[in-house]
Amino acid sequence: MNHQEAESHSEAKQERRPYRVRLPGFITNEDIGLGDAIKQVTSYVGMEPCGGCKQRAAILNRWMVFSGQHPR
């Protein structure tokens, strides 16, 4: 394994913090992950979540979070 491969491998092991997107006027001041937001919308229109949907939601929640508050 060369130096570049070792760096990318060590970066993959580290847990990255999700991107935070502030939405002014957001309905709630609580953080909500992208996966949970999609899950709420699909449930609202009558789609039942499956096992794959739950995995996708967990991955998307780790990737992006919406917030109504200013970051502290």
Protein backbone atom coordinates (compact mmCIF):
# COMPACT_ATOMS: atom_id res chain seq x y z
CA MET A 1 0.00 0.00 0.00
CA ASN A 2 1.52 3.32 -1.04
CA HIS A 3 1.28 6.61 0.92
CA GLN A 4 -1.75 7.92 -1.01
CA GLU A 5 -3.69 4.68 -0.51
CA ALA A 6 -2.84 4.69 3.19
CA GLU A 7 -4.14 8.28 3.56
CA SER A 8 -7.43 7.52 1.79
CA HIS A 9 -7.84 4.34 3.85
CA SER A 10 -7.31 6.21 7.15
CA GLU A 11 -9.74 8.96 6.04
CA ALA A 12 -12.38 6.34 5.28
CA LYS A 13 -12.06 4.96 8.82
CA GLN A 14 -12.63 8.37 10.42
CA GLU A 15 -16.26 9.29 11.04
CA ARG A 16 -16.99 12.52 9.23
CA ARG A 17 -19.46 15.01 10.62
CA PRO A 18 -22.53 15.59 8.43
CA TYR A 19 -22.90 18.70 6.33
CA ARG A 20 -25.10 21.18 8.18
CA VAL A 21 -27.57 23.22 6.16
CA ARG A 22 -29.39 26.06 7.89
CA LEU A 23 -32.85 26.73 6.54
CA PRO A 24 -34.15 30.09 7.77
CA GLY A 25 -37.77 29.88 8.82
CA PHE A 26 -37.54 26.12 9.21
CA ILE A 27 -40.63 24.78 11.00
CA THR A 28 -38.70 23.40 13.96
CA ASN A 29 -35.45 24.37 15.61
CA GLU A 30 -34.51 20.70 16.07
CA ASP A 31 -32.01 19.15 13.67
CA ILE A 32 -33.40 16.67 11.15
CA GLY A 33 -31.34 14.40 8.93
CA LEU A 34 -31.91 14.24 5.19
CA GLY A 35 -32.93 10.57 5.45
CA ASP A 36 -35.52 11.34 8.15
CA ALA A 37 -36.90 14.22 6.07
CA ILE A 38 -37.33 11.92 3.05
CA LYS A 39 -38.87 9.24 5.29
CA GLN A 40 -41.44 11.74 6.60
CA VAL A 41 -42.38 12.89 3.10
CA THR A 42 -42.74 9.36 1.72
CA SER A 43 -44.79 8.30 4.77
CA TYR A 44 -47.04 11.33 4.28
CA VAL A 45 -47.86 10.22 0.73
CA GLY A 46 -48.56 6.67 1.91
CA MET A 47 -45.34 4.80 1.12
CA GLU A 48 -44.33 2.23 3.75
CA PRO A 49 -40.57 2.09 4.52
CA CYS A 50 -38.72 -1.17 3.89
CA GLY A 51 -35.37 -2.40 5.21
CA GLY A 52 -33.50 -0.74 2.35
CA CYS A 53 -35.28 2.54 3.08
CA LYS A 54 -34.10 2.43 6.69
CA GLN A 55 -30.50 1.82 5.61
CA ARG A 56 -30.70 4.65 3.08
CA ALA A 57 -32.14 7.00 5.72
CA ALA A 58 -29.30 6.19 8.14
CA ILE A 59 -26.66 6.86 5.46
CA LEU A 60 -28.30 10.13 4.39
CA ASN A 61 -28.64 11.25 8.03
CA ARG A 62 -24.89 10.83 8.45
CA TRP A 63 -24.32 12.84 5.26
CA MET A 64 -26.56 15.92 5.74
CA VAL A 65 -28.52 17.57 8.55
CA PHE A 66 -31.00 20.45 8.27
CA SER A 67 -31.23 22.97 11.08
CA GLY A 68 -33.36 26.00 11.84
CA GLN A 69 -30.87 27.45 14.31
CA HIS A 70 -27.62 29.32 13.86
CA PRO A 71 -24.62 27.04 14.47
CA ARG A 72 -22.99 27.55 17.86
